[in-house]
Amino acid sequence: MATDRDGNADRVTILIDTNAFLMASQFKIDLLDELKWMLGSVRMVVPEIVIRELEGLARGKGKHAASARLGLLFAQKCEIIASSGQGTPDEQILMSAKDLRCGVVTNDRRLRDQVLDVGLPVVSLAGKQKLELIRR
């Protein structure tokens, strides 16, 4: 994983995807604390495209919208960055991760495989209450 923008080699940068914020609510995981426990000193970044996706979902009704609203609260505690490139949200997330040379927190199988294919690590949900770090 990448060092932080100040060159601090001890600080890991991790990018958080939309569905990671949704799974935090759905599976009752304190995502940010779990990432800190797992990775130590961590810079958590969220691309603007993720914020826009969460805002759109939060305008709805039901459990999914409630999860998105909670996800927005978590996302506001992270560093929000400009999204890289154009294209689908997943393409922008992948481009941002490549630009930052950092791992991605996601439970989206397709995005996970794309991130792993470019040699970056992924943090994903293992079972229903534990995060795991995956590398190829």
Protein backbone atom coordinates (compact mmCIF):
# COMPACT_ATOMS: atom_id res chain seq x y z
CA MET A 1 0.00 0.00 0.00
CA ALA A 2 1.06 3.58 -0.51
CA THR A 3 2.71 5.95 1.89
CA ASP A 4 0.77 9.08 2.77
CA ARG A 5 1.10 12.31 0.79
CA ASP A 6 3.74 13.60 3.20
CA GLY A 7 5.91 10.57 2.45
CA ASN A 8 5.28 8.92 5.80
CA ALA A 9 6.13 5.28 5.12
CA ASP A 10 4.38 4.11 8.28
CA ARG A 11 1.01 5.49 7.24
CA VAL A 12 -1.05 3.37 4.85
CA THR A 13 -3.46 4.93 2.36
CA ILE A 14 -6.70 3.08 1.64
CA LEU A 15 -9.55 4.11 -0.66
CA ILE A 16 -13.08 3.27 0.45
CA ASP A 17 -15.78 2.25 -2.07
CA THR A 18 -19.51 2.98 -1.81
CA ASN A 19 -20.54 -0.55 -0.92
CA ALA A 20 -17.99 -0.66 1.90
CA PHE A 21 -19.93 2.11 3.61
CA LEU A 22 -23.20 0.26 2.95
CA MET A 23 -21.88 -3.02 4.35
CA ALA A 24 -20.81 -1.22 7.53
CA SER A 25 -24.45 -0.56 8.36
CA GLN A 26 -25.84 -3.79 6.96
CA PHE A 27 -23.41 -6.01 8.90
CA LYS A 28 -22.98 -3.72 11.92
CA ILE A 29 -19.25 -3.17 11.45
CA ASP A 30 -17.48 -0.04 12.66
CA LEU A 31 -15.64 0.23 9.35
CA LEU A 32 -13.24 3.03 10.25
CA ASP A 33 -12.21 1.49 13.58
CA GLU A 34 -11.80 -1.93 11.96
CA LEU A 35 -9.54 -0.43 9.28
CA LYS A 36 -7.44 1.32 11.92
CA TRP A 37 -7.17 -1.92 13.90
CA MET A 38 -6.24 -3.91 10.78
CA LEU A 39 -3.86 -1.45 9.10
CA GLY A 40 -2.52 0.68 11.95
CA SER A 41 -1.80 4.27 10.99
CA VAL A 42 -4.10 4.74 8.02
CA ARG A 43 -5.11 7.57 5.71
CA MET A 44 -8.68 6.80 4.61
CA VAL A 45 -9.66 8.49 1.35
CA VAL A 46 -13.04 8.67 -0.37
CA PRO A 47 -13.37 9.85 -3.98
CA GLU A 48 -16.10 12.43 -4.67
CA ILE A 49 -17.89 9.88 -6.89
CA VAL A 50 -18.49 7.73 -3.78
CA ILE A 51 -19.96 10.71 -1.93
CA ARG A 52 -22.27 11.41 -4.89
CA GLU A 53 -23.37 7.76 -5.02
CA LEU A 54 -24.11 7.72 -1.28
CA GLU A 55 -26.02 11.00 -1.52
CA GLY A 56 -28.16 9.61 -4.34
CA LEU A 57 -28.90 6.41 -2.44
CA ALA A 58 -29.60 8.35 0.78
CA ARG A 59 -32.45 10.25 -0.90
CA GLY A 60 -34.41 7.01 -1.21
CA LYS A 61 -36.44 5.15 1.36
CA GLY A 62 -35.93 1.94 3.30
CA LYS A 63 -32.94 0.08 4.70
CA HIS A 64 -30.67 0.77 1.71
CA ALA A 65 -31.23 4.54 2.02
CA ALA A 66 -30.69 4.39 5.78
CA SER A 67 -27.42 2.51 5.19
CA ALA A 68 -26.35 5.19 2.71
CA ARG A 69 -27.12 7.97 5.21
CA LEU A 70 -25.01 6.24 7.85
CA GLY A 71 -22.32 5.69 5.21
CA LEU A 72 -22.26 9.42 4.52
CA LEU A 73 -21.61 10.08 8.20
CA PHE A 74 -18.64 7.69 8.11
CA ALA A 75 -17.40 9.14 4.80
CA GLN A 76 -17.33 12.66 6.25
CA LYS A 77 -14.72 11.43 8.75
CA CYS A 78 -12.40 10.51 5.87
CA GLU A 79 -10.36 12.60 3.46
CA ILE A 80 -12.53 13.36 0.42
CA ILE A 81 -10.53 13.55 -2.79
CA ALA A 82 -11.36 14.50 -6.36
CA SER A 83 -12.30 11.49 -8.46
CA SER A 84 -9.75 10.44 -11.07
CA GLY A 85 -10.74 10.31 -14.68
CA GLN A 86 -14.09 9.71 -16.26
CA GLY A 87 -16.25 6.66 -16.76
CA THR A 88 -18.30 4.54 -14.43
CA PRO A 89 -17.92 4.92 -10.67
CA ASP A 90 -15.92 1.68 -10.54
CA GLU A 91 -13.60 2.91 -13.31
CA GLN A 92 -13.06 6.16 -11.42
CA ILE A 93 -12.37 4.30 -8.17
CA LEU A 94 -9.87 2.01 -9.90
CA MET A 95 -8.15 5.00 -11.53
CA SER A 96 -7.95 6.82 -8.18
CA ALA A 97 -6.46 3.73 -6.51
CA LYS A 98 -3.89 3.39 -9.30
CA ASP A 99 -3.02 7.10 -9.07
CA LEU A 100 -2.56 6.85 -5.29
CA ARG A 101 -1.00 3.36 -5.51
CA CYS A 102 -3.23 2.25 -2.67
CA GLY A 103 -5.59 -0.54 -1.76
CA VAL A 104 -9.37 -0.42 -1.94
CA VAL A 105 -12.01 -1.39 0.61
CA THR A 106 -14.85 -3.00 -1.33
CA ASN A 107 -17.17 -5.95 -1.29
CA ASP A 108 -17.92 -5.59 -5.01
CA ARG A 109 -16.53 -8.75 -6.58
CA ARG A 110 -15.90 -7.23 -10.03
CA LEU A 111 -14.11 -4.16 -8.64
CA ARG A 112 -12.15 -6.37 -6.22
CA ASP A 113 -10.88 -8.49 -9.10
CA GLN A 114 -9.95 -5.40 -11.16
CA VAL A 115 -8.00 -3.91 -8.24
CA LEU A 116 -6.19 -7.20 -7.62
CA ASP A 117 -5.44 -7.55 -11.36
CA VAL A 118 -3.45 -4.28 -11.29
CA GLY A 119 -1.46 -5.49 -8.29
CA LEU A 120 -3.16 -3.50 -5.54
CA PRO A 121 -4.52 -5.02 -2.32
CA VAL A 122 -8.19 -5.18 -1.35
CA VAL A 123 -9.88 -5.17 2.03
CA SER A 124 -13.14 -7.08 1.87
CA LEU A 125 -15.71 -8.61 4.17
CA ALA A 126 -14.95 -12.16 5.28
CA GLY A 127 -18.01 -13.86 6.64
CA LYS A 128 -20.35 -11.25 8.01
CA GLN A 129 -18.39 -9.44 10.70
CA LYS A 130 -14.71 -9.48 9.87
CA LEU A 131 -12.57 -7.67 7.32
CA GLU A 132 -9.74 -9.40 5.49
CA LEU A 133 -6.80 -8.12 3.45
CA ILE A 134 -6.44 -9.79 0.06
CA ARG A 135 -3.32 -9.62 -2.13
CA ARG A 136 -2.28 -11.51 -5.26
